[in-house]
Amino acid sequence: MTELSAEDRKLVTLARATRARTGAAEGAAVRDSDGRTYAAATVDLPSLRVSALGVCVAMAVASGSQGLEAAVVLTSADVVFPDDLAAIRDFAGTGVVVHRGDVRGSLLETTAS
């Protein structure tokens, strides 16, 4: 794994803190094209299920953001879910850096949307 920028390390910290605070399965954070950050945890209710990255993308869209620069998801899953990558592409296009790490915040892989 290559060294992360300070901005991407901040995303890891936000995702880790959000997941820990809520006890959710996943924590995620994104940075939009204006430098604003959004952090979220998985929503798992009987009537609503949204991944942590899905919540982050929705927050950015609802805030009027024009795109994303980077995303982090901390999860026990072996991959970034295809639906999450599709949501990032739908909103921000291709080439958004997506870091996947374990629930403790150790990064395991970096991909692009």
Protein backbone atom coordinates (compact mmCIF):
# COMPACT_ATOMS: atom_id res chain seq x y z
CA MET A 1 0.00 0.00 0.00
CA THR A 2 1.40 3.38 -0.91
CA GLU A 3 1.58 6.25 1.56
CA LEU A 4 -1.66 8.21 1.81
CA SER A 5 -1.89 11.95 1.51
CA ALA A 6 -2.86 13.91 4.62
CA GLU A 7 -6.31 14.48 3.11
CA ASP A 8 -6.85 10.75 2.55
CA ARG A 9 -5.59 9.93 6.06
CA LYS A 10 -8.29 12.31 7.33
CA LEU A 11 -10.89 10.27 5.46
CA VAL A 12 -9.63 7.08 7.14
CA THR A 13 -9.86 8.76 10.56
CA LEU A 14 -13.40 10.01 9.89
CA ALA A 15 -14.59 6.62 8.58
CA ARG A 16 -13.05 4.78 11.52
CA ALA A 17 -14.51 7.15 14.12
CA THR A 18 -17.97 7.05 12.55
CA ARG A 19 -18.04 3.25 12.41
CA ALA A 20 -16.77 2.94 15.97
CA ARG A 21 -19.24 5.52 17.32
CA THR A 22 -22.25 3.84 15.75
CA GLY A 23 -21.14 0.20 15.98
CA ALA A 24 -22.11 -0.21 12.32
CA ALA A 25 -20.78 -2.85 9.96
CA GLU A 26 -19.04 -0.23 7.81
CA GLY A 27 -17.74 3.29 8.06
CA ALA A 28 -16.99 5.49 5.08
CA ALA A 29 -15.90 9.00 4.23
CA VAL A 30 -15.61 10.96 1.00
CA ARG A 31 -14.02 14.24 -0.03
CA ASP A 32 -15.85 16.29 -2.62
CA SER A 33 -14.39 18.43 -5.37
CA ASP A 34 -14.57 21.50 -3.08
CA GLY A 35 -12.62 19.76 -0.29
CA ARG A 36 -15.63 19.16 1.96
CA THR A 37 -15.79 15.81 3.74
CA TYR A 38 -18.75 13.60 4.52
CA ALA A 39 -18.60 10.58 6.86
CA ALA A 40 -21.27 7.96 7.45
CA ALA A 41 -21.98 4.48 8.72
CA THR A 42 -24.08 1.69 7.31
CA VAL A 43 -27.83 2.19 7.80
CA ASP A 44 -29.45 -1.17 8.56
CA LEU A 45 -33.10 -0.73 9.51
CA PRO A 46 -35.97 -3.10 8.74
CA SER A 47 -37.31 -0.61 6.19
CA LEU A 48 -34.07 0.98 4.96
CA ARG A 49 -30.66 -0.49 4.09
CA VAL A 50 -27.92 1.80 2.74
CA SER A 51 -24.18 1.15 2.67
CA ALA A 52 -21.85 3.61 4.35
CA LEU A 53 -20.49 4.75 0.96
CA GLY A 54 -24.04 5.08 -0.33
CA VAL A 55 -24.91 7.40 2.56
CA CYS A 56 -21.77 9.48 1.90
CA VAL A 57 -22.62 9.86 -1.79
CA ALA A 58 -26.20 10.81 -0.91
CA MET A 59 -24.95 13.41 1.59
CA ALA A 60 -22.64 14.95 -1.00
CA VAL A 61 -25.39 15.07 -3.63
CA ALA A 62 -27.89 16.54 -1.15
CA SER A 63 -25.34 19.20 -0.14
CA GLY A 64 -24.98 20.42 -3.71
CA SER A 65 -21.54 19.00 -4.34
CA GLN A 66 -20.40 18.80 -7.96
CA GLY A 67 -18.19 15.70 -7.64
CA LEU A 68 -15.84 13.59 -5.54
CA GLU A 69 -12.06 13.38 -5.30
CA ALA A 70 -11.62 10.36 -3.01
CA ALA A 71 -13.46 7.83 -0.86
CA VAL A 72 -12.59 5.46 1.97
CA VAL A 73 -14.66 2.49 3.15
CA LEU A 74 -13.73 0.44 6.20
CA THR A 75 -15.43 -2.94 6.02
CA SER A 76 -15.06 -6.63 6.70
CA ALA A 77 -16.01 -7.33 3.07
CA ASP A 78 -13.35 -8.51 0.64
CA VAL A 79 -14.29 -5.92 -2.00
CA VAL A 80 -15.85 -2.52 -2.44
CA PHE A 81 -19.39 -3.43 -3.43
CA PRO A 82 -20.15 -2.88 -7.14
CA ASP A 83 -23.28 -0.84 -6.30
CA ASP A 84 -21.14 1.57 -4.26
CA LEU A 85 -18.68 2.01 -7.14
CA ALA A 86 -21.62 2.51 -9.51
CA ALA A 87 -23.08 5.24 -7.25
CA ILE A 88 -19.72 7.02 -7.20
CA ARG A 89 -19.47 6.78 -11.01
CA ASP A 90 -23.07 7.98 -11.46
CA PHE A 91 -22.33 11.04 -9.38
CA ALA A 92 -18.67 11.82 -9.99
CA GLY A 93 -17.64 9.86 -13.07
CA THR A 94 -14.68 7.54 -13.38
CA GLY A 95 -11.30 7.93 -11.78
CA VAL A 96 -12.35 8.68 -8.19
CA VAL A 97 -9.81 7.04 -5.86
CA VAL A 98 -11.48 4.52 -3.54
CA HIS A 99 -9.52 3.07 -0.61
CA ARG A 100 -10.78 -0.10 1.12
CA GLY A 101 -9.63 -1.00 4.59
CA ASP A 102 -10.53 -3.28 7.44
CA VAL A 103 -12.74 -2.16 10.31
CA ARG A 104 -9.69 -1.04 12.34
CA GLY A 105 -8.57 1.35 9.61
CA SER A 106 -5.71 -0.63 8.03
CA LEU A 107 -5.91 -0.07 4.29
CA LEU A 108 -5.96 -3.13 2.07
CA GLU A 109 -6.43 -1.87 -1.48
CA THR A 110 -6.94 1.19 -3.64
CA THR A 111 -9.11 1.17 -6.73
CA ALA A 112 -10.80 3.76 -8.92
CA SER A 113 -14.47 4.21 -9.73
